[in-house]
């Protein structure tokens, strides 16, 4: 399963209608390949730095800048995943599971042990099926 969440035109229009003292939107196309995890993280960090720079230039006070900086760091969940081979499958985990298990939807829930166990089980099943097929 690929995690593809491209905002629709209606979602962009709704986002454009949001008015607040300070609003930030980041749009980051990412690769689903685990080998590109570092590229995804770097792109997110670059966008966050650029947003903070624009806020600074716009005269946003330091306290709000600090809040945004903390939020960006919190959203960069991939840094906890490193170069995990299962990133293409889980993309940092389910937000709902994170909320239920950890009380924070932005903290990744690592299910790597479960994925590894399932992979081993699938390999054993495949080997058994191959052996049974060859014996027949």
N, C-alpha and C. Protein backbone atom coordinates (compact mmCIF):
# COMPACT_ATOMS: atom_id res chain seq x y z
N UNK A 1 0.84 -1.17 0.00
CA UNK A 1 0.00 0.00 0.00
C UNK A 1 0.89 1.23 0.00
N UNK A 2 0.63 2.13 -0.89
CA UNK A 2 1.36 3.37 -0.94
C UNK A 2 0.56 4.45 -0.23
N UNK A 3 1.26 5.29 0.49
CA UNK A 3 0.59 6.40 1.17
C UNK A 3 0.64 7.62 0.26
N UNK A 4 -0.44 7.81 -0.49
CA UNK A 4 -0.52 8.92 -1.42
C UNK A 4 -1.67 9.80 -0.97
N UNK A 5 -1.35 10.99 -0.56
CA UNK A 5 -2.36 11.90 -0.04
C UNK A 5 -2.16 13.25 -0.69
N UNK A 6 -2.63 13.38 -1.93
CA UNK A 6 -2.49 14.63 -2.66
C UNK A 6 -3.75 15.46 -2.41
N UNK A 7 -3.58 16.67 -1.89
CA UNK A 7 -4.75 17.51 -1.62
C UNK A 7 -5.53 17.81 -2.90
N UNK A 8 -6.84 17.82 -2.76
CA UNK A 8 -7.71 18.13 -3.89
C UNK A 8 -7.80 19.65 -4.04
N UNK A 9 -8.35 20.09 -5.15
CA UNK A 9 -8.55 21.52 -5.38
C UNK A 9 -9.45 22.11 -4.29
N UNK A 10 -10.48 21.36 -3.91
CA UNK A 10 -11.39 21.83 -2.85
C UNK A 10 -10.64 22.00 -1.52
N UNK A 11 -9.73 21.06 -1.24
CA UNK A 11 -8.95 21.17 0.00
C UNK A 11 -8.01 22.38 -0.03
N UNK A 12 -7.39 22.62 -1.20
CA UNK A 12 -6.54 23.80 -1.33
C UNK A 12 -7.36 25.08 -1.15
N UNK A 13 -8.57 25.12 -1.75
CA UNK A 13 -9.42 26.30 -1.61
C UNK A 13 -9.84 26.51 -0.16
N UNK A 14 -10.18 25.42 0.52
CA UNK A 14 -10.56 25.52 1.93
C UNK A 14 -9.38 26.01 2.77
N UNK A 15 -8.19 25.52 2.46
CA UNK A 15 -7.00 25.95 3.17
C UNK A 15 -6.73 27.44 2.95
N UNK A 16 -6.97 27.90 1.73
CA UNK A 16 -6.75 29.31 1.41
C UNK A 16 -7.72 30.22 2.17
N UNK A 17 -8.84 29.67 2.61
CA UNK A 17 -9.82 30.46 3.34
C UNK A 17 -9.50 30.59 4.83
N UNK A 18 -8.56 29.78 5.31
CA UNK A 18 -8.20 29.84 6.72
C UNK A 18 -7.49 31.15 6.99
N UNK A 19 -8.00 31.86 7.96
CA UNK A 19 -7.42 33.14 8.33
C UNK A 19 -7.02 33.08 9.80
N UNK A 20 -5.86 33.54 10.07
CA UNK A 20 -5.37 33.56 11.43
C UNK A 20 -4.24 34.56 11.54
N UNK A 21 -3.81 34.79 12.75
CA UNK A 21 -2.73 35.74 12.94
C UNK A 21 -1.46 35.26 12.24
N UNK A 22 -1.17 33.97 12.39
CA UNK A 22 -0.01 33.38 11.73
C UNK A 22 -0.38 31.96 11.30
N UNK A 23 -0.31 31.72 10.00
CA UNK A 23 -0.63 30.40 9.46
C UNK A 23 0.53 29.93 8.57
N UNK A 24 0.81 28.64 8.63
CA UNK A 24 1.86 28.06 7.80
C UNK A 24 1.32 26.77 7.18
N UNK A 25 1.55 26.63 5.89
CA UNK A 25 1.22 25.39 5.20
C UNK A 25 2.47 24.92 4.47
N UNK A 26 2.77 23.64 4.60
CA UNK A 26 3.89 23.04 3.89
C UNK A 26 3.33 21.92 3.03
N UNK A 27 3.71 21.90 1.78
CA UNK A 27 3.32 20.80 0.89
C UNK A 27 4.60 20.10 0.48
N UNK A 28 4.68 18.82 0.79
CA UNK A 28 5.90 18.08 0.55
C UNK A 28 5.61 16.76 -0.15
N UNK A 29 5.87 16.71 -1.46
CA UNK A 29 5.76 15.42 -2.12
C UNK A 29 6.90 14.53 -1.62
N UNK A 30 6.59 13.30 -1.27
CA UNK A 30 7.62 12.39 -0.75
C UNK A 30 7.67 11.12 -1.57
N UNK A 31 8.78 10.46 -1.48
CA UNK A 31 8.95 9.18 -2.13
C UNK A 31 8.55 8.08 -1.16
N UNK A 32 7.95 7.03 -1.67
CA UNK A 32 7.56 5.90 -0.82
C UNK A 32 8.70 4.91 -0.64
N UNK A 33 9.82 5.16 -1.28
CA UNK A 33 10.94 4.23 -1.19
C UNK A 33 11.72 4.45 0.09
N UNK A 34 11.99 3.39 0.81
CA UNK A 34 12.75 3.50 2.04
C UNK A 34 14.12 4.09 1.83
N UNK A 35 14.68 3.86 0.64
CA UNK A 35 16.01 4.40 0.35
C UNK A 35 15.99 5.91 0.22
N UNK A 36 14.82 6.49 0.03
CA UNK A 36 14.70 7.95 -0.10
C UNK A 36 14.28 8.63 1.21
N UNK A 37 14.26 7.88 2.29
CA UNK A 37 13.81 8.44 3.57
C UNK A 37 14.64 9.66 3.96
N UNK A 38 15.94 9.59 3.76
CA UNK A 38 16.80 10.72 4.11
C UNK A 38 16.48 11.93 3.24
N UNK A 39 16.21 11.69 1.95
CA UNK A 39 15.84 12.78 1.04
C UNK A 39 14.55 13.43 1.51
N UNK A 40 13.56 12.60 1.91
CA UNK A 40 12.28 13.12 2.41
C UNK A 40 12.50 13.99 3.65
N UNK A 41 13.31 13.48 4.58
CA UNK A 41 13.57 14.23 5.82
C UNK A 41 14.27 15.55 5.53
N UNK A 42 15.24 15.51 4.62
CA UNK A 42 15.98 16.72 4.27
C UNK A 42 15.06 17.74 3.60
N UNK A 43 14.20 17.28 2.71
CA UNK A 43 13.26 18.18 2.04
C UNK A 43 12.31 18.82 3.05
N UNK A 44 11.82 18.03 4.02
CA UNK A 44 10.94 18.59 5.04
C UNK A 44 11.67 19.64 5.87
N UNK A 45 12.90 19.32 6.29
CA UNK A 45 13.68 20.28 7.09
C UNK A 45 13.93 21.56 6.31
N UNK A 46 14.22 21.43 5.01
CA UNK A 46 14.45 22.62 4.18
C UNK A 46 13.20 23.48 4.09
N UNK A 47 12.05 22.84 3.90
CA UNK A 47 10.79 23.59 3.85
C UNK A 47 10.50 24.27 5.19
N UNK A 48 10.75 23.56 6.27
CA UNK A 48 10.51 24.14 7.61
C UNK A 48 11.43 25.34 7.84
N UNK A 49 12.70 25.22 7.46
CA UNK A 49 13.64 26.34 7.61
C UNK A 49 13.18 27.54 6.79
N UNK A 50 12.74 27.27 5.56
CA UNK A 50 12.26 28.35 4.69
C UNK A 50 11.03 29.03 5.29
N UNK A 51 10.12 28.24 5.83
CA UNK A 51 8.92 28.81 6.46
C UNK A 51 9.30 29.68 7.65
N UNK A 52 10.21 29.19 8.48
CA UNK A 52 10.66 29.98 9.63
C UNK A 52 11.35 31.27 9.18
N UNK A 53 12.12 31.18 8.12
CA UNK A 53 12.79 32.36 7.57
C UNK A 53 11.76 33.40 7.10
N UNK A 54 10.74 32.92 6.40
CA UNK A 54 9.69 33.83 5.93
C UNK A 54 8.93 34.46 7.10
N UNK A 55 8.68 33.66 8.13
CA UNK A 55 8.00 34.19 9.31
C UNK A 55 8.87 35.26 9.99
N UNK A 56 10.16 34.99 10.09
CA UNK A 56 11.10 35.94 10.68
C UNK A 56 11.09 37.25 9.90
N UNK A 57 11.16 37.14 8.56
CA UNK A 57 11.16 38.31 7.68
C UNK A 57 9.85 39.10 7.79
N UNK A 58 8.78 38.39 8.08
CA UNK A 58 7.47 39.04 8.21
C UNK A 58 7.29 39.70 9.57
N UNK A 59 8.29 39.54 10.45
CA UNK A 59 8.23 40.19 11.76
C UNK A 59 7.53 39.39 12.84
N UNK A 60 7.40 38.09 12.65
CA UNK A 60 6.78 37.25 13.66
C UNK A 60 7.66 37.25 14.91
N UNK A 61 7.02 37.38 16.07
CA UNK A 61 7.82 37.46 17.31
C UNK A 61 8.50 36.13 17.62
N UNK A 62 9.56 36.22 18.41
CA UNK A 62 10.41 35.06 18.69
C UNK A 62 9.67 33.94 19.40
N UNK A 63 8.71 34.27 20.25
CA UNK A 63 7.96 33.23 20.96
C UNK A 63 7.16 32.37 19.97
N UNK A 64 6.50 33.01 19.01
CA UNK A 64 5.74 32.26 18.01
C UNK A 64 6.68 31.47 17.10
N UNK A 65 7.82 32.06 16.76
CA UNK A 65 8.79 31.34 15.95
C UNK A 65 9.24 30.07 16.65
N UNK A 66 9.45 30.18 17.96
CA UNK A 66 9.86 29.02 18.74
C UNK A 66 8.78 27.94 18.73
N UNK A 67 7.52 28.35 18.84
CA UNK A 67 6.40 27.40 18.81
C UNK A 67 6.36 26.68 17.46
N UNK A 68 6.49 27.43 16.38
CA UNK A 68 6.48 26.81 15.05
C UNK A 68 7.67 25.88 14.88
N UNK A 69 8.82 26.30 15.34
CA UNK A 69 10.02 25.46 15.23
C UNK A 69 9.82 24.14 15.96
N UNK A 70 9.25 24.19 17.17
CA UNK A 70 8.98 22.97 17.93
C UNK A 70 7.97 22.08 17.20
N UNK A 71 6.95 22.69 16.62
CA UNK A 71 5.94 21.91 15.89
C UNK A 71 6.55 21.24 14.66
N UNK A 72 7.40 21.97 13.95
CA UNK A 72 8.05 21.37 12.79
C UNK A 72 8.92 20.19 13.21
N UNK A 73 9.66 20.35 14.29
CA UNK A 73 10.51 19.27 14.78
C UNK A 73 9.66 18.06 15.18
N UNK A 74 8.52 18.34 15.80
CA UNK A 74 7.62 17.27 16.24
C UNK A 74 7.02 16.53 15.05
N UNK A 75 6.75 17.26 13.96
CA UNK A 75 6.16 16.65 12.78
C UNK A 75 7.17 15.85 11.97
N UNK A 76 8.43 16.06 12.21
CA UNK A 76 9.47 15.35 11.45
C UNK A 76 9.67 13.95 12.02
N UNK A 77 8.60 13.20 12.07
CA UNK A 77 8.63 11.88 12.70
C UNK A 77 9.61 10.92 12.04
N UNK A 78 9.91 11.16 10.77
CA UNK A 78 10.78 10.24 10.07
C UNK A 78 12.14 10.09 10.73
N UNK A 79 12.59 11.10 11.46
CA UNK A 79 13.93 10.98 12.04
C UNK A 79 14.03 9.80 13.01
N UNK A 80 12.92 9.40 13.58
CA UNK A 80 12.92 8.25 14.47
C UNK A 80 12.94 6.94 13.70
N UNK A 81 12.56 6.99 12.44
CA UNK A 81 12.50 5.78 11.63
C UNK A 81 13.84 5.44 10.99
N UNK A 82 14.72 6.42 10.89
CA UNK A 82 16.02 6.18 10.28
C UNK A 82 15.87 5.66 8.87
N UNK A 83 16.59 4.59 8.56
CA UNK A 83 16.51 4.00 7.23
C UNK A 83 15.79 2.65 7.27
N UNK A 84 14.79 2.55 8.13
CA UNK A 84 14.03 1.32 8.29
C UNK A 84 13.51 0.82 6.93
N UNK A 85 13.67 -0.46 6.70
CA UNK A 85 13.23 -1.07 5.44
C UNK A 85 11.72 -1.09 5.28
N UNK A 86 10.98 -0.87 6.37
CA UNK A 86 9.52 -0.95 6.29
C UNK A 86 8.84 0.40 6.06
N UNK A 87 9.62 1.48 5.90
CA UNK A 87 9.03 2.80 5.66
C UNK A 87 8.05 2.79 4.48
N UNK A 88 8.36 2.08 3.36
CA UNK A 88 7.39 2.07 2.25
C UNK A 88 6.04 1.47 2.64
N UNK A 89 6.04 0.62 3.64
CA UNK A 89 4.80 -0.05 4.06
C UNK A 89 4.06 0.79 5.10
N UNK A 90 4.78 1.31 6.08
CA UNK A 90 4.09 1.96 7.20
C UNK A 90 4.14 3.48 7.18
N UNK A 91 5.13 4.06 6.51
CA UNK A 91 5.28 5.53 6.43
C UNK A 91 5.27 6.18 7.81
N UNK A 92 5.90 5.54 8.77
CA UNK A 92 5.97 6.13 10.10
C UNK A 92 4.84 5.72 11.02
N UNK A 93 3.98 4.84 10.56
CA UNK A 93 2.90 4.35 11.41
C UNK A 93 1.59 5.08 11.20
N UNK A 94 0.59 4.54 11.79
CA UNK A 94 -0.77 5.06 11.67
C UNK A 94 -1.00 6.17 12.69
N UNK A 95 -1.51 7.30 12.24
CA UNK A 95 -1.78 8.42 13.15
C UNK A 95 -2.80 8.03 14.22
N UNK A 96 -3.79 7.24 13.83
CA UNK A 96 -4.80 6.82 14.80
C UNK A 96 -4.18 5.91 15.85
N UNK A 97 -3.34 4.97 15.42
CA UNK A 97 -2.66 4.09 16.37
C UNK A 97 -1.77 4.90 17.30
N UNK A 98 -1.08 5.89 16.76
CA UNK A 98 -0.21 6.74 17.59
C UNK A 98 -1.03 7.45 18.65
N UNK A 99 -2.19 7.97 18.25
CA UNK A 99 -3.05 8.68 19.19
C UNK A 99 -3.55 7.74 20.29
N UNK A 100 -3.98 6.55 19.89
CA UNK A 100 -4.52 5.60 20.86
C UNK A 100 -3.43 5.03 21.76
N UNK A 101 -2.31 4.62 21.16
CA UNK A 101 -1.25 3.97 21.93
C UNK A 101 -0.37 4.94 22.70
N UNK A 102 -0.09 6.11 22.10
CA UNK A 102 0.88 7.02 22.69
C UNK A 102 0.28 8.36 23.14
N UNK A 103 -0.99 8.59 22.77
CA UNK A 103 -1.64 9.85 23.14
C UNK A 103 -1.19 11.02 22.29
N UNK A 104 -0.50 10.75 21.19
CA UNK A 104 0.00 11.82 20.33
C UNK A 104 0.02 11.32 18.89
N UNK A 105 -0.85 11.86 18.06
CA UNK A 105 -0.95 11.38 16.68
C UNK A 105 0.28 11.71 15.84
N UNK A 106 1.14 12.60 16.31
CA UNK A 106 2.32 12.99 15.55
C UNK A 106 3.56 12.18 15.90
N UNK A 107 3.45 11.30 16.88
CA UNK A 107 4.58 10.46 17.25
C UNK A 107 4.45 9.13 16.53
N UNK A 108 5.49 8.72 15.82
CA UNK A 108 5.36 7.47 15.07
C UNK A 108 5.22 6.26 15.99
N UNK A 109 4.38 5.33 15.58
CA UNK A 109 4.26 4.07 16.30
C UNK A 109 5.04 3.03 15.51
N UNK A 110 6.05 2.52 16.11
CA UNK A 110 6.92 1.57 15.42
C UNK A 110 6.36 0.16 15.57
N UNK A 111 6.03 -0.43 14.44
CA UNK A 111 5.54 -1.80 14.41
C UNK A 111 6.53 -2.71 13.70
N UNK A 112 7.81 -2.29 13.69
CA UNK A 112 8.85 -3.07 13.01
C UNK A 112 8.91 -4.51 13.51
N UNK A 113 8.86 -4.75 14.83
CA UNK A 113 8.89 -6.15 15.28
C UNK A 113 7.75 -6.99 14.69
N UNK A 114 6.57 -6.40 14.58
CA UNK A 114 5.43 -7.13 14.01
C UNK A 114 5.65 -7.40 12.52
N UNK A 115 6.19 -6.40 11.81
CA UNK A 115 6.48 -6.59 10.38
C UNK A 115 7.53 -7.68 10.20
N UNK A 116 8.58 -7.65 11.02
CA UNK A 116 9.63 -8.66 10.92
C UNK A 116 9.09 -10.05 11.20
N UNK A 117 8.25 -10.15 12.23
CA UNK A 117 7.65 -11.44 12.59
C UNK A 117 6.78 -11.96 11.44
N UNK A 118 5.99 -11.07 10.85
CA UNK A 118 5.13 -11.46 9.74
C UNK A 118 5.97 -11.90 8.54
N UNK A 119 7.06 -11.18 8.30
CA UNK A 119 7.92 -11.51 7.18
C UNK A 119 8.55 -12.90 7.37
N UNK A 120 9.00 -13.18 8.58
CA UNK A 120 9.58 -14.49 8.88
C UNK A 120 8.53 -15.58 8.71
N UNK A 121 7.32 -15.32 9.21
CA UNK A 121 6.23 -16.29 9.08
C UNK A 121 5.90 -16.55 7.61
N UNK A 122 5.85 -15.47 6.82
CA UNK A 122 5.58 -15.63 5.38
C UNK A 122 6.69 -16.44 4.71
N UNK A 123 7.93 -16.19 5.08
CA UNK A 123 9.06 -16.93 4.51
C UNK A 123 8.97 -18.41 4.86
N UNK A 124 8.62 -18.72 6.12
CA UNK A 124 8.47 -20.12 6.54
C UNK A 124 7.34 -20.79 5.76
N UNK A 125 6.22 -20.08 5.63
CA UNK A 125 5.08 -20.62 4.88
C UNK A 125 5.46 -20.88 3.42
N UNK A 126 6.17 -19.92 2.82
CA UNK A 126 6.58 -20.08 1.43
C UNK A 126 7.52 -21.26 1.27
N UNK A 127 8.45 -21.39 2.22
CA UNK A 127 9.40 -22.52 2.17
C UNK A 127 8.65 -23.85 2.34
N UNK A 128 7.69 -23.89 3.26
CA UNK A 128 6.91 -25.11 3.48
C UNK A 128 6.10 -25.47 2.24
N UNK A 129 5.49 -24.46 1.64
CA UNK A 129 4.68 -24.70 0.43
C UNK A 129 5.56 -25.18 -0.71
N UNK A 130 6.74 -24.60 -0.83
CA UNK A 130 7.66 -25.01 -1.89
C UNK A 130 8.11 -26.45 -1.67
N UNK A 131 8.43 -26.79 -0.43
CA UNK A 131 8.88 -28.16 -0.10
C UNK A 131 7.75 -29.15 -0.37
N UNK A 132 6.52 -28.79 0.01
CA UNK A 132 5.38 -29.68 -0.20
C UNK A 132 5.11 -29.84 -1.69
N UNK A 133 5.25 -28.77 -2.45
CA UNK A 133 5.02 -28.82 -3.89
C UNK A 133 6.07 -29.70 -4.57
N UNK A 134 7.32 -29.56 -4.13
CA UNK A 134 8.42 -30.35 -4.72
C UNK A 134 8.28 -31.82 -4.36
N UNK A 135 7.76 -32.13 -3.19
CA UNK A 135 7.60 -33.52 -2.75
C UNK A 135 6.46 -34.20 -3.50
N UNK A 136 5.52 -33.42 -3.97
CA UNK A 136 4.35 -34.00 -4.65
C UNK A 136 4.59 -34.39 -6.06
